[in-house]
Amino acid sequence: MSEKEKSIELLEEMNQKLDKLIGLIAIQGKEESQQIKILTDFGFNSTEVGNLLGIPPGTVRRKNLEMRKD
């Protein structure tokens, strides 16, 4: 892998981490359903969202499905 490719990969990884950090900041003071939507939109999977919010991943998936139907 060339130095340029390594740099691009590192920047992409940093960008993903920053997106997740922004997502965590964005959920402060929001209702649970809003928190789930925000975190999901920022790329967190159901397990990660569940761990952060203290709810089962299945609940996260169910609430995501309910929000899509509305």
N, C-alpha and C. Protein backbone atom coordinates (compact mmCIF):
# COMPACT_ATOMS: atom_id res chain seq x y z
N MET A 1 0.85 -1.17 0.00
CA MET A 1 0.00 0.00 0.00
C MET A 1 0.90 1.24 0.00
N SER A 2 0.60 2.17 -0.86
CA SER A 2 1.42 3.38 -0.97
C SER A 2 1.13 4.32 0.21
N GLU A 3 2.00 5.28 0.40
CA GLU A 3 1.81 6.26 1.47
C GLU A 3 0.53 7.05 1.27
N LYS A 4 0.22 7.38 0.02
CA LYS A 4 -1.00 8.13 -0.27
C LYS A 4 -2.23 7.30 0.12
N GLU A 5 -2.23 6.02 -0.21
CA GLU A 5 -3.35 5.15 0.13
C GLU A 5 -3.49 5.00 1.64
N LYS A 6 -2.35 4.92 2.35
CA LYS A 6 -2.39 4.83 3.81
C LYS A 6 -2.97 6.10 4.41
N SER A 7 -2.58 7.24 3.85
CA SER A 7 -3.08 8.52 4.35
C SER A 7 -4.58 8.64 4.13
N ILE A 8 -5.05 8.22 2.96
CA ILE A 8 -6.48 8.28 2.66
C ILE A 8 -7.25 7.37 3.60
N GLU A 9 -6.73 6.17 3.83
CA GLU A 9 -7.39 5.23 4.73
C GLU A 9 -7.46 5.79 6.15
N LEU A 10 -6.38 6.41 6.60
CA LEU A 10 -6.34 6.99 7.94
C LEU A 10 -7.35 8.14 8.05
N LEU A 11 -7.42 8.97 7.03
CA LEU A 11 -8.37 10.08 7.04
C LEU A 11 -9.81 9.59 7.05
N GLU A 12 -10.09 8.53 6.31
CA GLU A 12 -11.44 7.96 6.30
C GLU A 12 -11.80 7.41 7.67
N GLU A 13 -10.86 6.74 8.30
CA GLU A 13 -11.09 6.20 9.65
C GLU A 13 -11.34 7.33 10.65
N MET A 14 -10.55 8.37 10.55
CA MET A 14 -10.72 9.52 11.45
C MET A 14 -12.08 10.18 11.22
N ASN A 15 -12.49 10.28 9.98
CA ASN A 15 -13.78 10.87 9.64
C ASN A 15 -14.93 10.07 10.26
N GLN A 16 -14.84 8.75 10.18
CA GLN A 16 -15.87 7.89 10.77
C GLN A 16 -15.94 8.09 12.28
N LYS A 17 -14.79 8.19 12.92
CA LYS A 17 -14.77 8.38 14.38
C LYS A 17 -15.33 9.75 14.75
N LEU A 18 -15.01 10.77 13.98
CA LEU A 18 -15.54 12.10 14.25
C LEU A 18 -17.06 12.13 14.06
N ASP A 19 -17.56 11.45 13.04
CA ASP A 19 -19.00 11.37 12.83
C ASP A 19 -19.69 10.75 14.04
N LYS A 20 -19.10 9.70 14.58
CA LYS A 20 -19.69 9.04 15.76
C LYS A 20 -19.63 9.95 16.98
N LEU A 21 -18.55 10.68 17.14
CA LEU A 21 -18.44 11.61 18.26
C LEU A 21 -19.48 12.71 18.15
N ILE A 22 -19.68 13.24 16.96
CA ILE A 22 -20.70 14.26 16.74
C ILE A 22 -22.08 13.68 17.05
N GLY A 23 -22.31 12.44 16.65
CA GLY A 23 -23.57 11.78 16.95
C GLY A 23 -23.83 11.69 18.44
N LEU A 24 -22.80 11.35 19.20
CA LEU A 24 -22.95 11.26 20.66
C LEU A 24 -23.29 12.61 21.27
N ILE A 25 -22.67 13.65 20.76
CA ILE A 25 -22.95 14.99 21.26
C ILE A 25 -24.37 15.40 20.89
N ALA A 26 -24.80 15.01 19.69
CA ALA A 26 -26.11 15.42 19.18
C ALA A 26 -27.28 14.82 19.95
N ILE A 27 -27.08 13.71 20.66
CA ILE A 27 -28.21 13.06 21.35
C ILE A 27 -28.47 13.63 22.74
N GLN A 28 -27.61 14.48 23.21
CA GLN A 28 -27.76 15.00 24.56
C GLN A 28 -29.09 15.72 24.72
N GLY A 29 -29.87 15.32 25.73
CA GLY A 29 -31.13 15.97 26.05
C GLY A 29 -32.30 15.59 25.15
N LYS A 30 -32.11 14.60 24.29
CA LYS A 30 -33.16 14.19 23.37
C LYS A 30 -33.91 12.98 23.93
N GLU A 31 -35.14 12.77 23.43
CA GLU A 31 -35.91 11.59 23.80
C GLU A 31 -35.26 10.35 23.19
N GLU A 32 -35.56 9.19 23.78
CA GLU A 32 -34.92 7.94 23.36
C GLU A 32 -35.10 7.66 21.87
N SER A 33 -36.29 7.84 21.35
CA SER A 33 -36.51 7.55 19.93
C SER A 33 -35.68 8.47 19.04
N GLN A 34 -35.55 9.73 19.45
CA GLN A 34 -34.71 10.67 18.70
C GLN A 34 -33.24 10.27 18.79
N GLN A 35 -32.83 9.82 19.98
CA GLN A 35 -31.45 9.38 20.15
C GLN A 35 -31.14 8.20 19.23
N ILE A 36 -32.07 7.25 19.17
CA ILE A 36 -31.88 6.07 18.32
C ILE A 36 -31.74 6.50 16.86
N LYS A 37 -32.61 7.38 16.40
CA LYS A 37 -32.55 7.83 15.01
C LYS A 37 -31.24 8.54 14.72
N ILE A 38 -30.84 9.44 15.59
CA ILE A 38 -29.60 10.20 15.39
C ILE A 38 -28.40 9.26 15.33
N LEU A 39 -28.30 8.37 16.31
CA LEU A 39 -27.15 7.46 16.35
C LEU A 39 -27.12 6.53 15.15
N THR A 40 -28.29 6.05 14.74
CA THR A 40 -28.37 5.19 13.56
C THR A 40 -27.94 5.97 12.31
N ASP A 41 -28.40 7.20 12.20
CA ASP A 41 -28.03 8.04 11.06
C ASP A 41 -26.52 8.31 11.02
N PHE A 42 -25.89 8.32 12.19
CA PHE A 42 -24.44 8.55 12.26
C PHE A 42 -23.64 7.26 12.11
N GLY A 43 -24.31 6.15 11.83
CA GLY A 43 -23.59 4.93 11.51
C GLY A 43 -23.43 3.92 12.63
N PHE A 44 -24.03 4.17 13.78
CA PHE A 44 -23.96 3.20 14.85
C PHE A 44 -24.90 2.03 14.51
N ASN A 45 -24.48 0.80 14.80
CA ASN A 45 -25.38 -0.33 14.58
C ASN A 45 -26.26 -0.52 15.82
N SER A 46 -27.21 -1.43 15.72
CA SER A 46 -28.19 -1.63 16.81
C SER A 46 -27.54 -2.01 18.13
N THR A 47 -26.50 -2.82 18.08
CA THR A 47 -25.81 -3.23 19.30
C THR A 47 -25.12 -2.04 19.95
N GLU A 48 -24.44 -1.23 19.14
CA GLU A 48 -23.76 -0.04 19.67
C GLU A 48 -24.75 0.94 20.27
N VAL A 49 -25.87 1.18 19.57
CA VAL A 49 -26.89 2.09 20.08
C VAL A 49 -27.45 1.55 21.40
N GLY A 50 -27.75 0.26 21.41
CA GLY A 50 -28.27 -0.35 22.63
C GLY A 50 -27.31 -0.21 23.80
N ASN A 51 -26.04 -0.46 23.55
CA ASN A 51 -25.04 -0.33 24.62
C ASN A 51 -24.95 1.10 25.13
N LEU A 52 -24.99 2.06 24.23
CA LEU A 52 -24.89 3.47 24.63
C LEU A 52 -26.11 3.93 25.42
N LEU A 53 -27.28 3.43 25.04
CA LEU A 53 -28.52 3.88 25.68
C LEU A 53 -29.02 2.96 26.78
N GLY A 54 -28.36 1.81 26.94
CA GLY A 54 -28.76 0.87 27.99
C GLY A 54 -30.04 0.12 27.68
N ILE A 55 -30.26 -0.15 26.40
CA ILE A 55 -31.45 -0.90 25.98
C ILE A 55 -31.01 -2.06 25.08
N PRO A 56 -31.83 -3.11 24.97
CA PRO A 56 -31.46 -4.24 24.12
C PRO A 56 -31.41 -3.85 22.64
N PRO A 57 -30.50 -4.46 21.86
CA PRO A 57 -30.41 -4.18 20.43
C PRO A 57 -31.72 -4.47 19.70
N GLY A 58 -32.47 -5.47 20.15
CA GLY A 58 -33.75 -5.77 19.53
C GLY A 58 -34.74 -4.62 19.67
N THR A 59 -34.69 -3.94 20.79
CA THR A 59 -35.55 -2.78 21.00
C THR A 59 -35.16 -1.66 20.04
N VAL A 60 -33.87 -1.50 19.83
CA VAL A 60 -33.38 -0.49 18.89
C VAL A 60 -33.90 -0.79 17.49
N ARG A 61 -33.79 -2.05 17.07
CA ARG A 61 -34.26 -2.44 15.73
C ARG A 61 -35.77 -2.23 15.59
N ARG A 62 -36.51 -2.61 16.62
CA ARG A 62 -37.97 -2.45 16.59
C ARG A 62 -38.36 -0.98 16.48
N LYS A 63 -37.71 -0.14 17.29
CA LYS A 63 -38.05 1.28 17.25
C LYS A 63 -37.65 1.90 15.92
N ASN A 64 -36.54 1.45 15.33
CA ASN A 64 -36.16 1.94 14.01
C ASN A 64 -37.21 1.58 12.98
N LEU A 65 -37.71 0.35 13.04
CA LEU A 65 -38.76 -0.08 12.10
C LEU A 65 -40.03 0.75 12.30
N GLU A 66 -40.41 0.99 13.54
CA GLU A 66 -41.59 1.79 13.83
C GLU A 66 -41.46 3.20 13.28
N MET A 67 -40.27 3.79 13.42
CA MET A 67 -40.05 5.15 12.93
C MET A 67 -40.11 5.21 11.40
N ARG A 68 -39.65 4.16 10.74
CA ARG A 68 -39.70 4.13 9.27
C ARG A 68 -41.13 4.04 8.77
N LYS A 69 -41.99 3.37 9.53
CA LYS A 69 -43.40 3.21 9.13
C LYS A 69 -44.16 4.52 9.25
N ASP A 70 -43.76 5.36 10.22
CA ASP A 70 -44.49 6.63 10.46
C ASP A 70 -44.24 7.65 9.40
